[in-house]
Amino acid sequence: MTPQVLSDGEWLQAWRGLPEACREVYWLPAYSRASARWERAEAECLLVDGNGRWLLYPFLRHPITGYDAA
């Protein structure tokens, strides 16, 4: 299972592929972009696909003040 970062179009297509009862507005690219503007972040979404099951994982990415990856 390798996570794949989705483009907005792929993200929306994956969201539409969810059963209708599972389509939360919070998982839409437009909602995440609006939240990202508020938090000065970037909206991204991972798709993890494996064994006939998949996970759609929207998140906001932003730098962590004081963190040095080195």
PDB file of N, CA and C in Angstrom:
ATOM      1  N   MET A   1       0.839  -1.175   0.000  1.00  0.00           N
ATOM      2  CA  MET A   1       0.000   0.000   0.000  1.00  0.00           C
ATOM      3  C   MET A   1       0.883   1.236   0.000  1.00  0.00           C
ATOM      4  N   THR A   2       0.866   1.947  -1.102  1.00  0.00           N
ATOM      5  CA  THR A   2       1.636   3.172  -1.201  1.00  0.00           C
ATOM      6  C   THR A   2       0.687   4.354  -1.264  1.00  0.00           C
ATOM      7  N   PRO A   3       0.816   5.314  -0.339  1.00  0.00           N
ATOM      8  CA  PRO A   3      -0.040   6.506  -0.409  1.00  0.00           C
ATOM      9  C   PRO A   3       0.268   7.322  -1.664  1.00  0.00           C
ATOM     10  N   GLN A   4      -0.745   7.891  -2.234  1.00  0.00           N
ATOM     11  CA  GLN A   4      -0.617   8.725  -3.429  1.00  0.00           C
ATOM     12  C   GLN A   4      -1.215  10.089  -3.114  1.00  0.00           C
ATOM     13  N   VAL A   5      -0.441  11.160  -3.347  1.00  0.00           N
ATOM     14  CA  VAL A   5      -0.972  12.516  -3.192  1.00  0.00           C
ATOM     15  C   VAL A   5      -1.821  12.811  -4.426  1.00  0.00           C
ATOM     16  N   LEU A   6      -3.050  13.242  -4.209  1.00  0.00           N
ATOM     17  CA  LEU A   6      -3.998  13.479  -5.304  1.00  0.00           C
ATOM     18  C   LEU A   6      -4.012  14.937  -5.737  1.00  0.00           C
ATOM     19  N   SER A   7      -4.220  15.157  -7.025  1.00  0.00           N
ATOM     20  CA  SER A   7      -4.510  16.501  -7.522  1.00  0.00           C
ATOM     21  C   SER A   7      -5.934  16.833  -7.111  1.00  0.00           C
ATOM     22  N   ASP A   8      -6.342  18.100  -7.246  1.00  0.00           N
ATOM     23  CA  ASP A   8      -7.713  18.472  -6.889  1.00  0.00           C
ATOM     24  C   ASP A   8      -8.732  17.669  -7.687  1.00  0.00           C
ATOM     25  N   GLY A   9      -8.472  17.460  -8.977  1.00  0.00           N
ATOM     26  CA  GLY A   9      -9.399  16.693  -9.813  1.00  0.00           C
ATOM     27  C   GLY A   9      -9.497  15.241  -9.379  1.00  0.00           C
ATOM     28  N   GLU A  10      -8.358  14.628  -9.079  1.00  0.00           N
ATOM     29  CA  GLU A  10      -8.348  13.242  -8.607  1.00  0.00           C
ATOM     30  C   GLU A  10      -9.035  13.133  -7.248  1.00  0.00           C
ATOM     31  N   TRP A  11      -8.789  14.133  -6.411  1.00  0.00           N
ATOM     32  CA  TRP A  11      -9.381  14.185  -5.068  1.00  0.00           C
ATOM     33  C   TRP A  11     -10.900  14.224  -5.178  1.00  0.00           C
ATOM     34  N   LEU A  12     -11.413  15.127  -6.015  1.00  0.00           N
ATOM     35  CA  LEU A  12     -12.861  15.249  -6.195  1.00  0.00           C
ATOM     36  C   LEU A  12     -13.447  13.962  -6.766  1.00  0.00           C
ATOM     37  N   GLN A  13     -12.749  13.359  -7.716  1.00  0.00           N
ATOM     38  CA  GLN A  13     -13.216  12.104  -8.300  1.00  0.00           C
ATOM     39  C   GLN A  13     -13.265  10.997  -7.245  1.00  0.00           C
ATOM     40  N   ALA A  14     -12.249  10.926  -6.389  1.00  0.00           N
ATOM     41  CA  ALA A  14     -12.236   9.921  -5.317  1.00  0.00           C
ATOM     42  C   ALA A  14     -13.386  10.177  -4.339  1.00  0.00           C
ATOM     43  N   TRP A  15     -13.637  11.457  -4.004  1.00  0.00           N
ATOM     44  CA  TRP A  15     -14.728  11.812  -3.105  1.00  0.00           C
ATOM     45  C   TRP A  15     -16.068  11.374  -3.699  1.00  0.00           C
ATOM     46  N   ARG A  16     -16.236  11.608  -5.000  1.00  0.00           N
ATOM     47  CA  ARG A  16     -17.480  11.202  -5.671  1.00  0.00           C
ATOM     48  C   ARG A  16     -17.614   9.685  -5.723  1.00  0.00           C
ATOM     49  N   GLY A  17     -16.501   8.961  -5.621  1.00  0.00           N
ATOM     50  CA  GLY A  17     -16.526   7.501  -5.622  1.00  0.00           C
ATOM     51  C   GLY A  17     -16.933   6.897  -4.290  1.00  0.00           C
ATOM     52  N   LEU A  18     -17.003   7.730  -3.268  1.00  0.00           N
ATOM     53  CA  LEU A  18     -17.449   7.249  -1.958  1.00  0.00           C
ATOM     54  C   LEU A  18     -18.948   6.957  -1.997  1.00  0.00           C
ATOM     55  N   PRO A  19     -19.424   6.028  -1.169  1.00  0.00           N
ATOM     56  CA  PRO A  19     -20.874   5.853  -1.065  1.00  0.00           C
ATOM     57  C   PRO A  19     -21.507   7.183  -0.643  1.00  0.00           C
ATOM     58  N   GLU A  20     -22.662   7.484  -1.169  1.00  0.00           N
ATOM     59  CA  GLU A  20     -23.297   8.780  -0.920  1.00  0.00           C
ATOM     60  C   GLU A  20     -23.418   9.102   0.570  1.00  0.00           C
ATOM     61  N   ALA A  21     -23.701   8.122   1.378  1.00  0.00           N
ATOM     62  CA  ALA A  21     -23.852   8.345   2.825  1.00  0.00           C
ATOM     63  C   ALA A  21     -22.527   8.713   3.502  1.00  0.00           C
ATOM     64  N   CYS A  22     -21.421   8.498   2.814  1.00  0.00           N
ATOM     65  CA  CYS A  22     -20.096   8.777   3.392  1.00  0.00           C
ATOM     66  C   CYS A  22     -19.459  10.056   2.845  1.00  0.00           C
ATOM     67  N   ARG A  23     -20.131  10.779   2.005  1.00  0.00           N
ATOM     68  CA  ARG A  23     -19.564  11.980   1.381  1.00  0.00           C
ATOM     69  C   ARG A  23     -19.707  13.195   2.294  1.00  0.00           C
ATOM     70  N   GLU A  24     -18.794  13.322   3.221  1.00  0.00           N
ATOM     71  CA  GLU A  24     -18.786  14.471   4.127  1.00  0.00           C
ATOM     72  C   GLU A  24     -18.252  15.707   3.408  1.00  0.00           C
ATOM     73  N   VAL A  25     -18.877  16.841   3.628  1.00  0.00           N
ATOM     74  CA  VAL A  25     -18.439  18.093   3.008  1.00  0.00           C
ATOM     75  C   VAL A  25     -17.019  18.446   3.440  1.00  0.00           C
ATOM     76  N   TYR A  26     -16.624  18.016   4.634  1.00  0.00           N
ATOM     77  CA  TYR A  26     -15.302  18.327   5.171  1.00  0.00           C
ATOM     78  C   TYR A  26     -14.186  17.694   4.351  1.00  0.00           C
ATOM     79  N   TRP A  27     -14.509  16.708   3.532  1.00  0.00           N
ATOM     80  CA  TRP A  27     -13.502  16.003   2.743  1.00  0.00           C
ATOM     81  C   TRP A  27     -13.407  16.530   1.319  1.00  0.00           C
ATOM     82  N   LEU A  28     -14.153  17.562   0.975  1.00  0.00           N
ATOM     83  CA  LEU A  28     -14.095  18.150  -0.367  1.00  0.00           C
ATOM     84  C   LEU A  28     -12.857  19.036  -0.526  1.00  0.00           C
ATOM     85  N   PRO A  29     -12.257  19.064  -1.719  1.00  0.00           N
ATOM     86  CA  PRO A  29     -11.107  19.937  -1.946  1.00  0.00           C
ATOM     87  C   PRO A  29     -11.415  21.411  -1.646  1.00  0.00           C
ATOM     88  N   ALA A  30     -12.574  21.894  -2.033  1.00  0.00           N
ATOM     89  CA  ALA A  30     -12.918  23.308  -1.821  1.00  0.00           C
ATOM     90  C   ALA A  30     -13.003  23.639  -0.328  1.00  0.00           C
ATOM     91  N   TYR A  31     -13.551  22.740   0.463  1.00  0.00           N
ATOM     92  CA  TYR A  31     -13.634  22.964   1.908  1.00  0.00           C
ATOM     93  C   TYR A  31     -12.229  23.005   2.511  1.00  0.00           C
ATOM     94  N   SER A  32     -11.398  22.065   2.097  1.00  0.00           N
ATOM     95  CA  SER A  32     -10.029  22.013   2.619  1.00  0.00           C
ATOM     96  C   SER A  32      -9.227  23.247   2.212  1.00  0.00           C
ATOM     97  N   ARG A  33      -9.423  23.727   0.990  1.00  0.00           N
ATOM     98  CA  ARG A  33      -8.723  24.950   0.547  1.00  0.00           C
ATOM     99  C   ARG A  33      -9.160  26.155   1.375  1.00  0.00           C
ATOM    100  N   ALA A  34     -10.446  26.249   1.683  1.00  0.00           N
ATOM    101  CA  ALA A  34     -10.935  27.352   2.522  1.00  0.00           C
ATOM    102  C   ALA A  34     -10.317  27.273   3.919  1.00  0.00           C
ATOM    103  N   SER A  35     -10.263  26.081   4.477  1.00  0.00           N
ATOM    104  CA  SER A  35      -9.635  25.896   5.791  1.00  0.00           C
ATOM    105  C   SER A  35      -8.148  26.228   5.723  1.00  0.00           C
ATOM    106  N   ALA A  36      -7.508  25.850   4.627  1.00  0.00           N
ATOM    107  CA  ALA A  36      -6.065  26.101   4.466  1.00  0.00           C
ATOM    108  C   ALA A  36      -5.770  27.603   4.442  1.00  0.00           C
ATOM    109  N   ARG A  37      -6.624  28.372   3.778  1.00  0.00           N
ATOM    110  CA  ARG A  37      -6.419  29.834   3.761  1.00  0.00           C
ATOM    111  C   ARG A  37      -6.470  30.382   5.177  1.00  0.00           C
ATOM    112  N   TRP A  38      -7.406  29.908   5.965  1.00  0.00           N
ATOM    113  CA  TRP A  38      -7.564  30.361   7.347  1.00  0.00           C
ATOM    114  C   TRP A  38      -6.318  30.029   8.169  1.00  0.00           C
ATOM    115  N   GLU A  39      -5.742  28.854   7.939  1.00  0.00           N
ATOM    116  CA  GLU A  39      -4.593  28.398   8.728  1.00  0.00           C
ATOM    117  C   GLU A  39      -3.244  28.671   8.059  1.00  0.00           C
ATOM    118  N   ARG A  40      -3.258  29.384   6.939  1.00  0.00           N
ATOM    119  CA  ARG A  40      -2.020  29.658   6.177  1.00  0.00           C
ATOM    120  C   ARG A  40      -1.285  28.356   5.879  1.00  0.00           C
ATOM    121  N   ALA A  41      -2.016  27.421   5.297  1.00  0.00           N
ATOM    122  CA  ALA A  41      -1.489  26.085   5.008  1.00  0.00           C
ATOM    123  C   ALA A  41      -1.800  25.721   3.557  1.00  0.00           C
ATOM    124  N   GLU A  42      -1.447  24.506   3.192  1.00  0.00           N
ATOM    125  CA  GLU A  42      -1.789  23.969   1.882  1.00  0.00           C
ATOM    126  C   GLU A  42      -2.674  22.746   2.078  1.00  0.00           C
ATOM    127  N   ALA A  43      -3.769  22.698   1.322  1.00  0.00           N
ATOM    128  CA  ALA A  43      -4.677  21.556   1.398  1.00  0.00           C
ATOM    129  C   ALA A  43      -4.135  20.435   0.514  1.00  0.00           C
ATOM    130  N   GLU A  44      -4.065  19.234   1.052  1.00  0.00           N
ATOM    131  CA  GLU A  44      -3.631  18.074   0.291  1.00  0.00           C
ATOM    132  C   GLU A  44      -4.490  16.882   0.676  1.00  0.00           C
ATOM    133  N   CYS A  45      -4.429  15.861  -0.147  1.00  0.00           N
ATOM    134  CA  CYS A  45      -5.200  14.654   0.126  1.00  0.00           C
ATOM    135  C   CYS A  45      -4.392  13.436  -0.303  1.00  0.00           C
ATOM    136  N   LEU A  46      -4.350  12.447   0.563  1.00  0.00           N
ATOM    137  CA  LEU A  46      -3.711  11.169   0.257  1.00  0.00           C
ATOM    138  C   LEU A  46      -4.777  10.131  -0.049  1.00  0.00           C
ATOM    139  N   LEU A  47      -4.454   9.265  -0.980  1.00  0.00           N
ATOM    140  CA  LEU A  47      -5.275   8.087  -1.242  1.00  0.00           C
ATOM    141  C   LEU A  47      -4.393   6.879  -0.955  1.00  0.00           C
ATOM    142  N   VAL A  48      -4.845   6.033  -0.055  1.00  0.00           N
ATOM    143  CA  VAL A  48      -4.156   4.783   0.252  1.00  0.00           C
ATOM    144  C   VAL A  48      -5.056   3.665  -0.253  1.00  0.00           C
ATOM    145  N   ASP A  49      -4.524   2.866  -1.174  1.00  0.00           N
ATOM    146  CA  ASP A  49      -5.319   1.824  -1.823  1.00  0.00           C
ATOM    147  C   ASP A  49      -4.619   0.484  -1.614  1.00  0.00           C
ATOM    148  N   GLY A  50      -5.351  -0.494  -1.120  1.00  0.00           N
ATOM    149  CA  GLY A  50      -4.764  -1.813  -0.951  1.00  0.00           C
ATOM    150  C   GLY A  50      -5.784  -2.857  -0.572  1.00  0.00           C
ATOM    151  N   ASN A  51      -5.601  -4.036  -1.106  1.00  0.00           N
ATOM    152  CA  ASN A  51      -6.449  -5.188  -0.784  1.00  0.00           C
ATOM    153  C   ASN A  51      -7.936  -4.913  -1.028  1.00  0.00           C
ATOM    154  N   GLY A  52      -8.231  -4.153  -2.090  1.00  0.00           N
ATOM    155  CA  GLY A  52      -9.627  -3.879  -2.422  1.00  0.00           C
ATOM    156  C   GLY A  52     -10.306  -2.853  -1.546  1.00  0.00           C
ATOM    157  N   ARG A  53      -9.548  -2.218  -0.655  1.00  0.00           N
ATOM    158  CA  ARG A  53     -10.085  -1.180   0.226  1.00  0.00           C
ATOM    159  C   ARG A  53      -9.233   0.066   0.054  1.00  0.00           C
ATOM    160  N   TRP A  54      -9.835   1.230   0.298  1.00  0.00           N
ATOM    161  CA  TRP A  54      -9.048   2.454   0.182  1.00  0.00           C
ATOM    162  C   TRP A  54      -9.442   3.472   1.219  1.00  0.00           C
ATOM    163  N   LEU A  55      -8.505   4.378   1.455  1.00  0.00           N
ATOM    164  CA  LEU A  55      -8.674   5.425   2.460  1.00  0.00           C
ATOM    165  C   LEU A  55      -8.406   6.760   1.797  1.00  0.00           C
ATOM    166  N   LEU A  56      -9.300   7.699   1.971  1.00  0.00           N
ATOM    167  CA  LEU A  56      -9.143   9.071   1.497  1.00  0.00           C
ATOM    168  C   LEU A  56      -8.810   9.928   2.712  1.00  0.00           C
ATOM    169  N   TYR A  57      -7.637  10.587   2.687  1.00  0.00           N
ATOM    170  CA  TYR A  57      -7.173  11.302   3.869  1.00  0.00           C
ATOM    171  C   TYR A  57      -6.804  12.750   3.536  1.00  0.00           C
ATOM    172  N   PRO A  58      -7.773  13.682   3.617  1.00  0.00           N
ATOM    173  CA  PRO A  58      -7.475  15.096   3.414  1.00  0.00           C
ATOM    174  C   PRO A  58      -6.762  15.667   4.645  1.00  0.00           C
ATOM    175  N   PHE A  59      -5.833  16.582   4.421  1.00  0.00           N
ATOM    176  CA  PHE A  59      -5.129  17.206   5.535  1.00  0.00           C
ATOM    177  C   PHE A  59      -4.597  18.570   5.114  1.00  0.00           C
ATOM    178  N   LEU A  60      -4.201  19.360   6.101  1.00  0.00           N
ATOM    179  CA  LEU A  60      -3.590  20.662   5.861  1.00  0.00           C
ATOM    180  C   LEU A  60      -2.112  20.557   6.203  1.00  0.00           C
ATOM    181  N   ARG A  61      -1.273  21.017   5.283  1.00  0.00           N
ATOM    182  CA  ARG A  61       0.178  20.948   5.481  1.00  0.00           C
ATOM    183  C   ARG A  61       0.714  22.359   5.671  1.00  0.00           C
ATOM    184  N   HIS A  62       1.463  22.538   6.750  1.00  0.00           N
ATOM    185  CA  HIS A  62       2.104  23.832   6.982  1.00  0.00           C
ATOM    186  C   HIS A  62       3.368  23.609   7.795  1.00  0.00           C
ATOM    187  N   PRO A  63       4.294  24.565   7.732  1.00  0.00           N
ATOM    188  CA  PRO A  63       5.539  24.404   8.481  1.00  0.00           C
ATOM    189  C   PRO A  63       5.281  24.437   9.992  1.00  0.00           C
ATOM    190  N   ILE A  64       6.123  23.732  10.716  1.00  0.00           N
ATOM    191  CA  ILE A  64       6.062  23.736  12.166  1.00  0.00           C
ATOM    192  C   ILE A  64       7.174  24.658  12.650  1.00  0.00           C
ATOM    193  N   THR A  65       6.808  25.748  13.283  1.00  0.00           N
ATOM    194  CA  THR A  65       7.764  26.739  13.752  1.00  0.00           C
ATOM    195  C   THR A  65       8.754  26.090  14.720  1.00  0.00           C
ATOM    196  N   GLY A  66      10.046  26.309  14.455  1.00  0.00           N
ATOM    197  CA  GLY A  66      11.079  25.805  15.335  1.00  0.00           C
ATOM    198  C   GLY A  66      11.511  24.380  15.050  1.00  0.00           C
ATOM    199  N   TYR A  67      10.901  23.725  14.072  1.00  0.00           N
ATOM    200  CA  TYR A  67      11.264  22.348  13.748  1.00  0.00           C
ATOM    201  C   TYR A  67      12.341  22.338  12.680  1.00  0.00           C
ATOM    202  N   ASP A  68      13.410  21.595  12.913  1.00  0.00           N
ATOM    203  CA  ASP A  68      14.493  21.453  11.939  1.00  0.00           C
ATOM    204  C   ASP A  68      14.615  19.973  11.588  1.00  0.00           C
ATOM    205  N   ALA A  69      14.326  19.642  10.328  1.00  0.00           N
ATOM    206  CA  ALA A  69      14.323  18.249   9.905  1.00  0.00           C
ATOM    207  C   ALA A  69      15.725  17.650   9.839  1.00  0.00           C
ATOM    208  N   ALA A  70      16.750  18.451   9.898  1.00  0.00           N
ATOM    209  CA  ALA A  70      18.123  17.932   9.773  1.00  0.00           C
ATOM    210  C   ALA A  70      18.617  17.204  10.949  1.00  0.00           C
TER     211      ALA A  70
END
